Amino acid sequence: MEGEMNLEEYFSRISFHGSCNNLDLATLKLLHKQHVLSIPFENLSVHCGERITMDLEVIFNKIVRSSRGGWCLENNFLFGWVLRQMGYDTEMLGSRVFNSATNDFYTTDNHLINKVVIDGKAYITDVSFGMSSQLWEPLELVSGKDQPQAAGACRLIDKGDHWVLEKTGRKPKVVNPEFAKSSLVNQKLKKPLYSFTLVPREARHFLEVCHSLQTDPRSLFTNKSICSLQTPTGFRGLVGWTYSEVTYKPEEGVDVLDMRDIPDDEIDQILREKFNIKLQNKLQPVNKTAYYTL
């Protein structure tokens, strides 16, 4: 299985059957959407004794060859490599996720995204934010324009020395009464997701944050085990023991949330059946108090 990383294996992993010769927006959109429908956003490595690295070959083997997902540092690093291999004009950027606890952005880059330029127009492509905050296609880098996505309307705002991405979603409609007050249910329709600058970054820029996100006791990722996969109608999410299937109903202005708790002995089965993930090591689900919504 080891050996050189190649694009064909990646294309097969995401069921991409388009042409690799057209380096146009349509191809980029298709790649982006196939990636998020095929590869989960997940931090399960943190909770089953594995270390997450910024080594591209390790990431390729994990995500492409071992039917796993990853978090932004893995997914977007891999996606940027794919785009560069194909010949797209692309750069990695660092961004700072919005922290609802402090009502401000983090002070250091803790999220990786890619900028792609096609025919003189710049786009932001982010295949790894998860749950209802996941972009299904690239966003044109223009300020103040509503750009519709499956999960709602996104808008990029040029603040001068940085850009902000905000999203306006729909009202949650929770099928299961016992989860109506769950902290996982997002009650804020409009929220900033992250801020970023257009300074190109190398992988080494993220080494320190890659380490701290998986070791710091205050990190969201040490406090919760998270797995999410987009579906043609919404997404599936597993946070700790809580499994959710979310269906987008834009025509009714709601997202329908079907939530239930999974017993320990069925977690592996849920991961296999709903996310196509087979873990090598035993997962210890975690859901400690830390702000996070579907």
C-alpha atoms as a PDB file:
ATOM      1  CA  MET A   1       0.000   0.000   0.000  1.00  0.00           C
ATOM      2  CA  GLU A   2       2.873   2.340   0.715  1.00  0.00           C
ATOM      3  CA  GLY A   3       4.604   4.132  -2.086  1.00  0.00           C
ATOM      4  CA  GLU A   4       4.352   7.358  -3.945  1.00  0.00           C
ATOM      5  CA  MET A   5       1.344   9.569  -3.362  1.00  0.00           C
ATOM      6  CA  ASN A   6      -0.629   9.819  -6.550  1.00  0.00           C
ATOM      7  CA  LEU A   7      -3.624  11.799  -7.694  1.00  0.00           C
ATOM      8  CA  GLU A   8      -5.479   8.799  -9.115  1.00  0.00           C
ATOM      9  CA  GLU A   9      -5.775   7.263  -5.655  1.00  0.00           C
ATOM     10  CA  TYR A  10      -7.124  10.534  -4.277  1.00  0.00           C
ATOM     11  CA  PHE A  11      -9.625  10.880  -7.153  1.00  0.00           C
ATOM     12  CA  SER A  12     -10.802   7.346  -6.501  1.00  0.00           C
ATOM     13  CA  ARG A  13     -11.147   8.074  -2.759  1.00  0.00           C
ATOM     14  CA  ILE A  14     -13.510  10.995  -3.467  1.00  0.00           C
ATOM     15  CA  SER A  15     -15.225   9.379  -6.508  1.00  0.00           C
ATOM     16  CA  PHE A  16     -14.083  12.190  -8.785  1.00  0.00           C
ATOM     17  CA  HIS A  17     -14.589  11.294 -12.437  1.00  0.00           C
ATOM     18  CA  GLY A  18     -14.101  14.712 -14.011  1.00  0.00           C
ATOM     19  CA  SER A  19     -11.331  15.792 -16.344  1.00  0.00           C
ATOM     20  CA  CYS A  20      -8.047  16.785 -14.732  1.00  0.00           C
ATOM     21  CA  ASN A  21      -7.108  18.938 -17.695  1.00  0.00           C
ATOM     22  CA  ASN A  22      -9.604  21.747 -17.171  1.00  0.00           C
ATOM     23  CA  LEU A  23      -8.193  23.861 -14.382  1.00  0.00           C
ATOM     24  CA  ASP A  24     -11.427  25.830 -14.212  1.00  0.00           C
ATOM     25  CA  LEU A  25     -13.909  26.792 -11.497  1.00  0.00           C
ATOM     26  CA  ALA A  26     -16.337  23.986 -12.392  1.00  0.00           C
ATOM     27  CA  THR A  27     -13.625  21.378 -11.771  1.00  0.00           C
ATOM     28  CA  LEU A  28     -12.577  23.038  -8.508  1.00  0.00           C
ATOM     29  CA  LYS A  29     -16.214  23.085  -7.341  1.00  0.00           C
ATOM     30  CA  LEU A  30     -16.638  19.406  -8.164  1.00  0.00           C
ATOM     31  CA  LEU A  31     -13.405  18.431  -6.373  1.00  0.00           C
ATOM     32  CA  HIS A  32     -14.406  20.473  -3.321  1.00  0.00           C
ATOM     33  CA  LYS A  33     -17.885  18.972  -3.106  1.00  0.00           C
ATOM     34  CA  GLN A  34     -16.709  15.389  -3.684  1.00  0.00           C
ATOM     35  CA  HIS A  35     -14.083  15.817  -0.966  1.00  0.00           C
ATOM     36  CA  VAL A  36     -16.585  16.910   1.690  1.00  0.00           C
ATOM     37  CA  LEU A  37     -19.109  14.221   0.701  1.00  0.00           C
ATOM     38  CA  SER A  38     -16.442  11.498   0.879  1.00  0.00           C
ATOM     39  CA  ILE A  39     -13.947  12.453   3.585  1.00  0.00           C
ATOM     40  CA  PRO A  40     -15.073  13.105   7.154  1.00  0.00           C
ATOM     41  CA  PHE A  41     -13.982  16.020   9.288  1.00  0.00           C
ATOM     42  CA  GLU A  42     -12.810  14.160  12.417  1.00  0.00           C
ATOM     43  CA  ASN A  43     -10.359  14.331  15.312  1.00  0.00           C
ATOM     44  CA  LEU A  44     -10.731  10.705  16.393  1.00  0.00           C
ATOM     45  CA  SER A  45      -6.954  10.163  16.352  1.00  0.00           C
ATOM     46  CA  VAL A  46      -6.734  12.371  19.460  1.00  0.00           C
ATOM     47  CA  HIS A  47      -9.046   9.927  21.281  1.00  0.00           C
ATOM     48  CA  CYS A  48      -7.609   6.626  20.125  1.00  0.00           C
ATOM     49  CA  GLY A  49      -3.947   7.098  20.907  1.00  0.00           C
ATOM     50  CA  GLU A  50      -2.685   8.315  17.537  1.00  0.00           C
ATOM     51  CA  ARG A  51      -0.629  11.407  16.848  1.00  0.00           C
ATOM     52  CA  ILE A  52      -1.698  13.882  14.152  1.00  0.00           C
ATOM     53  CA  THR A  53       1.194  15.281  12.104  1.00  0.00           C
ATOM     54  CA  MET A  54       1.824  17.812   9.358  1.00  0.00           C
ATOM     55  CA  ASP A  55       3.621  15.153   7.312  1.00  0.00           C
ATOM     56  CA  LEU A  56       1.887  15.005   3.934  1.00  0.00           C
ATOM     57  CA  GLU A  57       2.706  11.347   3.271  1.00  0.00           C
ATOM     58  CA  VAL A  58       1.341  10.314   6.668  1.00  0.00           C
ATOM     59  CA  ILE A  59      -1.811  12.340   5.961  1.00  0.00           C
ATOM     60  CA  PHE A  60      -2.156  10.814   2.479  1.00  0.00           C
ATOM     61  CA  ASN A  61      -1.838   7.276   3.849  1.00  0.00           C
ATOM     62  CA  LYS A  62      -4.370   7.998   6.584  1.00  0.00           C
ATOM     63  CA  ILE A  63      -7.046   9.782   4.547  1.00  0.00           C
ATOM     64  CA  VAL A  64      -6.661   8.302   1.076  1.00  0.00           C
ATOM     65  CA  ARG A  65      -5.464   4.761   1.800  1.00  0.00           C
ATOM     66  CA  SER A  66      -6.920   3.999   5.229  1.00  0.00           C
ATOM     67  CA  SER A  67     -10.447   5.348   4.746  1.00  0.00           C
ATOM     68  CA  ARG A  68     -10.104   7.941   7.472  1.00  0.00           C
ATOM     69  CA  GLY A  69     -10.940  11.623   7.711  1.00  0.00           C
ATOM     70  CA  GLY A  70      -8.977  14.322   9.445  1.00  0.00           C
ATOM     71  CA  TRP A  71      -9.160  17.837  10.792  1.00  0.00           C
ATOM     72  CA  CYS A  72      -8.474  21.037   8.848  1.00  0.00           C
ATOM     73  CA  LEU A  73      -4.684  20.833   9.092  1.00  0.00           C
ATOM     74  CA  GLU A  74      -4.825  17.423   7.393  1.00  0.00           C
ATOM     75  CA  ASN A  75      -7.729  17.792   4.957  1.00  0.00           C
ATOM     76  CA  ASN A  76      -6.863  21.246   3.654  1.00  0.00           C
ATOM     77  CA  PHE A  77      -3.130  20.501   3.508  1.00  0.00           C
ATOM     78  CA  LEU A  78      -3.940  17.407   1.411  1.00  0.00           C
ATOM     79  CA  PHE A  79      -6.426  19.344  -0.752  1.00  0.00           C
ATOM     80  CA  GLY A  80      -3.877  22.103  -1.397  1.00  0.00           C
ATOM     81  CA  TRP A  81      -1.343  19.459  -2.476  1.00  0.00           C
ATOM     82  CA  VAL A  82      -3.906  17.954  -4.874  1.00  0.00           C
ATOM     83  CA  LEU A  83      -4.627  21.352  -6.425  1.00  0.00           C
ATOM     84  CA  ARG A  84      -0.920  22.127  -6.827  1.00  0.00           C
ATOM     85  CA  GLN A  85      -0.263  18.724  -8.379  1.00  0.00           C
ATOM     86  CA  MET A  86      -3.063  19.346 -10.856  1.00  0.00           C
ATOM     87  CA  GLY A  87      -1.571  22.731 -11.763  1.00  0.00           C
ATOM     88  CA  TYR A  88      -3.906  25.158 -10.009  1.00  0.00           C
ATOM     89  CA  ASP A  89      -2.466  28.462  -8.796  1.00  0.00           C
ATOM     90  CA  THR A  90      -2.964  27.916  -5.073  1.00  0.00           C
ATOM     91  CA  GLU A  91      -1.577  29.027  -1.698  1.00  0.00           C
ATOM     92  CA  MET A  92      -2.152  27.950   1.886  1.00  0.00           C
ATOM     93  CA  LEU A  93      -3.437  30.593   4.278  1.00  0.00           C
ATOM     94  CA  GLY A  94      -3.779  30.661   8.053  1.00  0.00           C
ATOM     95  CA  SER A  95      -7.000  31.633   9.739  1.00  0.00           C
ATOM     96  CA  ARG A  96      -8.310  32.212  13.261  1.00  0.00           C
ATOM     97  CA  VAL A  97     -11.499  30.509  14.320  1.00  0.00           C
ATOM     98  CA  PHE A  98     -14.167  32.542  16.125  1.00  0.00           C
ATOM     99  CA  ASN A  99     -14.288  31.684  19.823  1.00  0.00           C
ATOM    100  CA  SER A 100     -17.859  31.940  21.108  1.00  0.00           C
ATOM    101  CA  ALA A 101     -16.663  31.846  24.720  1.00  0.00           C
ATOM    102  CA  THR A 102     -14.704  35.106  24.339  1.00  0.00           C
ATOM    103  CA  ASN A 103     -16.851  36.469  21.498  1.00  0.00           C
ATOM    104  CA  ASP A 104     -13.710  37.138  19.483  1.00  0.00           C
ATOM    105  CA  PHE A 105     -11.302  35.391  17.143  1.00  0.00           C
ATOM    106  CA  TYR A 106      -8.410  33.360  18.531  1.00  0.00           C
ATOM    107  CA  THR A 107      -5.156  35.307  18.582  1.00  0.00           C
ATOM    108  CA  THR A 108      -3.121  32.764  16.614  1.00  0.00           C
ATOM    109  CA  ASP A 109      -3.777  30.876  13.370  1.00  0.00           C
ATOM    110  CA  ASN A 110      -5.549  27.624  14.292  1.00  0.00           C
ATOM    111  CA  HIS A 111      -7.197  26.778  10.972  1.00  0.00           C
ATOM    112  CA  LEU A 112      -5.718  26.170   7.523  1.00  0.00           C
ATOM    113  CA  ILE A 113      -7.479  27.154   4.278  1.00  0.00           C
ATOM    114  CA  ASN A 114      -6.467  27.450   0.627  1.00  0.00           C
ATOM    115  CA  LYS A 115      -6.697  30.341  -1.808  1.00  0.00           C
ATOM    116  CA  VAL A 116      -6.986  29.486  -5.496  1.00  0.00           C
ATOM    117  CA  VAL A 117      -6.699  31.933  -8.394  1.00  0.00           C
ATOM    118  CA  ILE A 118      -8.539  31.088 -11.628  1.00  0.00           C
ATOM    119  CA  ASP A 119      -8.627  33.499 -14.577  1.00  0.00           C
ATOM    120  CA  GLY A 120      -7.513  36.353 -12.343  1.00  0.00           C
ATOM    121  CA  LYS A 121     -10.246  35.735  -9.738  1.00  0.00           C
ATOM    122  CA  ALA A 122      -9.397  34.540  -6.233  1.00  0.00           C
ATOM    123  CA  TYR A 123     -11.404  31.907  -4.348  1.00  0.00           C
ATOM    124  CA  ILE A 124     -11.243  30.548  -0.815  1.00  0.00           C
ATOM    125  CA  THR A 125     -11.583  26.788  -0.633  1.00  0.00           C
ATOM    126  CA  ASP A 126     -12.040  25.062   2.722  1.00  0.00           C
ATOM    127  CA  VAL A 127     -12.885  21.357   2.744  1.00  0.00           C
ATOM    128  CA  SER A 128     -12.594  20.892   6.490  1.00  0.00           C
ATOM    129  CA  PHE A 129     -14.711  22.835   8.939  1.00  0.00           C
ATOM    130  CA  GLY A 130     -17.334  20.204   9.608  1.00  0.00           C
ATOM    131  CA  MET A 131     -21.009  20.014  10.599  1.00  0.00           C
ATOM    132  CA  SER A 132     -23.228  22.891   9.382  1.00  0.00           C
ATOM    133  CA  SER A 133     -20.229  25.222   9.059  1.00  0.00           C
ATOM    134  CA  GLN A 134     -18.808  23.164   6.191  1.00  0.00           C
ATOM    135  CA  LEU A 135     -18.509  24.904   2.817  1.00  0.00           C
ATOM    136  CA  TRP A 136     -19.653  22.707  -0.059  1.00  0.00           C
ATOM    137  CA  GLU A 137     -17.962  24.832  -2.681  1.00  0.00           C
ATOM    138  CA  PRO A 138     -15.339  27.571  -2.937  1.00  0.00           C
ATOM    139  CA  LEU A 139     -16.180  31.183  -2.095  1.00  0.00           C
ATOM    140  CA  GLU A 140     -15.206  33.985  -4.416  1.00  0.00           C
ATOM    141  CA  LEU A 141     -12.910  36.384  -2.564  1.00  0.00           C
ATOM    142  CA  VAL A 142     -15.164  39.444  -2.828  1.00  0.00           C
ATOM    143  CA  SER A 143     -16.337  41.566   0.061  1.00  0.00           C
ATOM    144  CA  GLY A 144     -19.937  41.840   1.224  1.00  0.00           C
ATOM    145  CA  LYS A 145     -21.581  39.516  -1.287  1.00  0.00           C
ATOM    146  CA  ASP A 146     -23.985  36.803  -0.114  1.00  0.00           C
ATOM    147  CA  GLN A 147     -22.820  33.493  -1.544  1.00  0.00           C
ATOM    148  CA  PRO A 148     -25.398  30.714  -1.132  1.00  0.00           C
ATOM    149  CA  GLN A 149     -24.201  27.352   0.159  1.00  0.00           C
ATOM    150  CA  ALA A 150     -26.085  24.216   1.153  1.00  0.00           C
ATOM    151  CA  ALA A 151     -25.978  25.185   4.835  1.00  0.00           C
ATOM    152  CA  GLY A 152     -26.986  28.824   4.323  1.00  0.00           C
ATOM    153  CA  ALA A 153     -25.566  32.080   3.027  1.00  0.00           C
ATOM    154  CA  CYS A 154     -21.874  32.844   3.430  1.00  0.00           C
ATOM    155  CA  ARG A 155     -20.319  36.262   3.192  1.00  0.00           C
ATOM    156  CA  LEU A 156     -16.696  37.370   3.146  1.00  0.00           C
ATOM    157  CA  ILE A 157     -15.972  40.810   4.570  1.00  0.00           C
ATOM    158  CA  ASP A 158     -12.776  42.729   3.863  1.00  0.00           C
ATOM    159  CA  LYS A 159     -11.766  44.445   7.120  1.00  0.00           C
ATOM    160  CA  GLY A 160      -8.625  46.011   5.681  1.00  0.00           C
ATOM    161  CA  ASP A 161      -5.871  44.068   7.436  1.00  0.00           C
ATOM    162  CA  HIS A 162      -7.898  40.846   7.531  1.00  0.00           C
ATOM    163  CA  TRP A 163     -10.974  39.146   6.093  1.00  0.00           C
ATOM    164  CA  VAL A 164     -13.896  37.636   8.006  1.00  0.00           C
ATOM    165  CA  LEU A 165     -16.128  34.752   6.915  1.00  0.00           C
ATOM    166  CA  GLU A 166     -19.620  34.815   8.364  1.00  0.00           C
ATOM    167  CA  LYS A 167     -22.535  32.467   7.806  1.00  0.00           C
ATOM    168  CA  THR A 168     -26.283  32.914   8.113  1.00  0.00           C
ATOM    169  CA  GLY A 169     -28.001  29.595   8.633  1.00  0.00           C
ATOM    170  CA  ARG A 170     -31.511  28.319   9.285  1.00  0.00           C
ATOM    171  CA  LYS A 171     -33.527  27.595  12.411  1.00  0.00           C
ATOM    172  CA  PRO A 172     -32.893  24.174  13.965  1.00  0.00           C
ATOM    173  CA  LYS A 173     -35.929  21.883  14.178  1.00  0.00           C
ATOM    174  CA  VAL A 174     -35.088  19.101  16.630  1.00  0.00           C
ATOM    175  CA  VAL A 175     -37.073  15.900  16.068  1.00  0.00           C
ATOM    176  CA  ASN A 176     -36.274  14.450  19.503  1.00  0.00           C
ATOM    177  CA  PRO A 177     -37.762  16.471  22.402  1.00  0.00           C
ATOM    178  CA  GLU A 178     -35.066  15.293  24.854  1.00  0.00           C
ATOM    179  CA  PHE A 179     -32.415  17.063  22.728  1.00  0.00           C
ATOM    180  CA  ALA A 180     -34.308  20.337  22.237  1.00  0.00           C
ATOM    181  CA  LYS A 181     -32.150  22.074  24.862  1.00  0.00           C
ATOM    182  CA  SER A 182     -28.896  20.307  23.943  1.00  0.00           C
ATOM    183  CA  SER A 183     -25.841  22.569  23.866  1.00  0.00           C
ATOM    184  CA  LEU A 184     -25.033  21.015  20.467  1.00  0.00           C
ATOM    185  CA  VAL A 185     -28.061  22.728  18.919  1.00  0.00           C
ATOM    186  CA  ASN A 186     -27.020  26.039  17.396  1.00  0.00           C
ATOM    187  CA  GLN A 187     -29.499  28.804  18.232  1.00  0.00           C
ATOM    188  CA  LYS A 188     -27.527  31.617  16.573  1.00  0.00           C
ATOM    189  CA  LEU A 189     -28.592  31.992  12.963  1.00  0.00           C
ATOM    190  CA  LYS A 190     -25.794  34.400  12.070  1.00  0.00           C
ATOM    191  CA  LYS A 191     -22.251  33.832  13.205  1.00  0.00           C
ATOM    192  CA  PRO A 192     -18.658  34.591  12.232  1.00  0.00           C
ATOM    193  CA  LEU A 193     -16.715  31.405  11.435  1.00  0.00           C
ATOM    194  CA  TYR A 194     -13.149  32.710  11.161  1.00  0.00           C
ATOM    195  CA  SER A 195     -10.879  35.552  10.109  1.00  0.00           C
ATOM    196  CA  PHE A 196      -7.839  35.270   7.850  1.00  0.00           C
ATOM    197  CA  THR A 197      -5.160  37.249   6.057  1.00  0.00           C
ATOM    198  CA  LEU A 198      -3.823  36.669   2.546  1.00  0.00           C
ATOM    199  CA  VAL A 199      -0.258  36.005   3.739  1.00  0.00           C
ATOM    200  CA  PRO A 200       0.867  32.690   2.170  1.00  0.00           C
ATOM    201  CA  ARG A 201       1.844  30.059   4.758  1.00  0.00           C
ATOM    202  CA  GLU A 202       3.984  26.934   4.709  1.00  0.00           C
ATOM    203  CA  ALA A 203       3.174  23.737   6.586  1.00  0.00           C
ATOM    204  CA  ARG A 204       5.706  24.596   9.288  1.00  0.00           C
ATOM    205  CA  HIS A 205       3.599  27.637  10.235  1.00  0.00           C
ATOM    206  CA  PHE A 206       1.062  25.147  11.685  1.00  0.00           C
ATOM    207  CA  LEU A 207       3.404  22.750  13.530  1.00  0.00           C
ATOM    208  CA  GLU A 208       2.959  24.332  16.941  1.00  0.00           C
ATOM    209  CA  VAL A 209      -0.831  24.631  16.714  1.00  0.00           C
ATOM    210  CA  CYS A 210      -1.059  21.047  15.413  1.00  0.00           C
ATOM    211  CA  HIS A 211       0.659  19.950  18.609  1.00  0.00           C
ATOM    212  CA  SER A 212      -1.335  22.135  20.989  1.00  0.00           C
ATOM    213  CA  LEU A 213      -4.758  21.339  19.480  1.00  0.00           C
ATOM    214  CA  GLN A 214      -4.245  17.671  20.315  1.00  0.00           C
ATOM    215  CA  THR A 215      -2.568  18.090  23.724  1.00  0.00           C
ATOM    216  CA  ASP A 216      -3.801  21.292  25.415  1.00  0.00           C
ATOM    217  CA  PRO A 217      -6.502  20.441  28.008  1.00  0.00           C
ATOM    218  CA  ARG A 218      -8.356  23.637  26.995  1.00  0.00           C
ATOM    219  CA  SER A 219      -8.486  22.690  23.307  1.00  0.00           C
ATOM    220  CA  LEU A 220     -11.894  21.846  21.843  1.00  0.00           C
ATOM    221  CA  PHE A 221     -10.315  18.777  20.271  1.00  0.00           C
ATOM    222  CA  THR A 222      -9.095  17.258  23.541  1.00  0.00           C
ATOM    223  CA  ASN A 223     -12.497  17.898  25.156  1.00  0.00           C
ATOM    224  CA  LYS A 224     -14.665  16.353  22.455  1.00  0.00           C
ATOM    225  CA  SER A 225     -14.389  13.469  20.031  1.00  0.00           C
ATOM    226  CA  ILE A 226     -15.864  14.747  16.774  1.00  0.00           C
ATOM    227  CA  CYS A 227     -16.744  13.196  13.438  1.00  0.00           C
ATOM    228  CA  SER A 228     -18.831  14.769  10.700  1.00  0.00           C
ATOM    229  CA  LEU A 229     -19.561  13.900   7.083  1.00  0.00           C
ATOM    230  CA  GLN A 230     -21.590  15.876   4.577  1.00  0.00           C
ATOM    231  CA  THR A 231     -24.394  14.033   2.763  1.00  0.00           C
ATOM    232  CA  PRO A 232     -26.311  15.085  -0.367  1.00  0.00           C
ATOM    233  CA  THR A 233     -29.117  16.397   1.888  1.00  0.00           C
ATOM    234  CA  GLY A 234     -27.219  17.720   4.922  1.00  0.00           C
ATOM    235  CA  PHE A 235     -24.692  16.010   7.171  1.00  0.00           C
ATOM    236  CA  ARG A 236     -24.101  13.376   9.839  1.00  0.00           C
ATOM    237  CA  GLY A 237     -22.305  14.149  13.069  1.00  0.00           C
ATOM    238  CA  LEU A 238     -20.999  12.214  16.060  1.00  0.00           C
ATOM    239  CA  VAL A 239     -19.891  14.219  19.105  1.00  0.00           C
ATOM    240  CA  GLY A 240     -18.958  12.017  22.050  1.00  0.00           C
ATOM    241  CA  TRP A 241     -21.861   9.546  22.142  1.00  0.00           C
ATOM    242  CA  THR A 242     -24.420  11.817  20.458  1.00  0.00           C
ATOM    243  CA  TYR A 243     -25.167  10.900  16.845  1.00  0.00           C
ATOM    244  CA  SER A 244     -27.098  13.364  14.657  1.00  0.00           C
ATOM    245  CA  GLU A 245     -28.496  13.235  11.157  1.00  0.00           C
ATOM    246  CA  VAL A 246     -29.237  16.708   9.836  1.00  0.00           C
ATOM    247  CA  THR A 247     -31.399  17.391   6.790  1.00  0.00           C
ATOM    248  CA  TYR A 248     -31.388  20.822   5.186  1.00  0.00           C
ATOM    249  CA  LYS A 249     -34.870  22.113   4.308  1.00  0.00           C
ATOM    250  CA  PRO A 250     -34.191  25.523   2.732  1.00  0.00           C
ATOM    251  CA  GLU A 251     -37.723  25.671   1.323  1.00  0.00           C
ATOM    252  CA  GLU A 252     -39.060  25.560   4.905  1.00  0.00           C
ATOM    253  CA  GLY A 253     -36.269  27.699   6.366  1.00  0.00           C
ATOM    254  CA  VAL A 254     -35.155  24.980   8.804  1.00  0.00           C
ATOM    255  CA  ASP A 255     -32.530  22.325   9.398  1.00  0.00           C
ATOM    256  CA  VAL A 256     -34.119  19.137  10.727  1.00  0.00           C
ATOM    257  CA  LEU A 257     -31.993  17.530  13.472  1.00  0.00           C
ATOM    258  CA  ASP A 258     -32.537  13.888  14.344  1.00  0.00           C
ATOM    259  CA  MET A 259     -30.389  13.179  17.424  1.00  0.00           C
ATOM    260  CA  ARG A 260     -29.778  10.143  19.619  1.00  0.00           C
ATOM    261  CA  ASP A 261     -27.224   8.779  22.035  1.00  0.00           C
ATOM    262  CA  ILE A 262     -25.243   5.717  21.008  1.00  0.00           C
ATOM    263  CA  PRO A 263     -24.194   3.053  23.539  1.00  0.00           C
ATOM    264  CA  ASP A 264     -20.445   2.395  23.757  1.00  0.00           C
ATOM    265  CA  ASP A 265     -20.674  -0.999  22.108  1.00  0.00           C
ATOM    266  CA  GLU A 266     -22.324   0.458  18.987  1.00  0.00           C
ATOM    267  CA  ILE A 267     -19.913   3.343  18.364  1.00  0.00           C
ATOM    268  CA  ASP A 268     -17.642   1.311  16.059  1.00  0.00           C
ATOM    269  CA  GLN A 269     -20.627   0.203  14.014  1.00  0.00           C
ATOM    270  CA  ILE A 270     -21.919   3.776  13.647  1.00  0.00           C
ATOM    271  CA  LEU A 271     -18.460   4.898  12.507  1.00  0.00           C
ATOM    272  CA  ARG A 272     -18.352   2.098   9.928  1.00  0.00           C
ATOM    273  CA  GLU A 273     -21.907   2.415   8.644  1.00  0.00           C
ATOM    274  CA  LYS A 274     -22.410   6.174   8.706  1.00  0.00           C
ATOM    275  CA  PHE A 275     -18.897   7.541   8.127  1.00  0.00           C
ATOM    276  CA  ASN A 276     -17.138   4.605   6.438  1.00  0.00           C
ATOM    277  CA  ILE A 277     -14.424   4.793   9.118  1.00  0.00           C
ATOM    278  CA  LYS A 278     -12.596   1.763  10.437  1.00  0.00           C
ATOM    279  CA  LEU A 279     -10.341   2.659  13.350  1.00  0.00           C
ATOM    280  CA  GLN A 280      -7.210   0.651  14.094  1.00  0.00           C
ATOM    281  CA  ASN A 281      -7.267   1.538  17.783  1.00  0.00           C
ATOM    282  CA  LYS A 282     -10.082   1.678  20.318  1.00  0.00           C
ATOM    283  CA  LEU A 283     -11.863   5.017  20.458  1.00  0.00           C
ATOM    284  CA  GLN A 284     -12.568   6.571  23.848  1.00  0.00           C
ATOM    285  CA  PRO A 285     -15.496   8.909  23.121  1.00  0.00           C
ATOM    286  CA  VAL A 286     -15.297  12.241  24.955  1.00  0.00           C
ATOM    287  CA  ASN A 287     -17.837  15.019  25.375  1.00  0.00           C
ATOM    288  CA  LYS A 288     -16.647  17.393  28.089  1.00  0.00           C
ATOM    289  CA  THR A 289     -17.948  20.912  28.504  1.00  0.00           C
ATOM    290  CA  ALA A 290     -16.650  23.072  25.663  1.00  0.00           C
ATOM    291  CA  TYR A 291     -18.652  25.247  23.318  1.00  0.00           C
ATOM    292  CA  TYR A 292     -19.466  23.373  20.108  1.00  0.00           C
ATOM    293  CA  THR A 293     -22.562  23.184  17.938  1.00  0.00           C
ATOM    294  CA  LEU A 294     -23.679  21.087  15.009  1.00  0.00           C
END
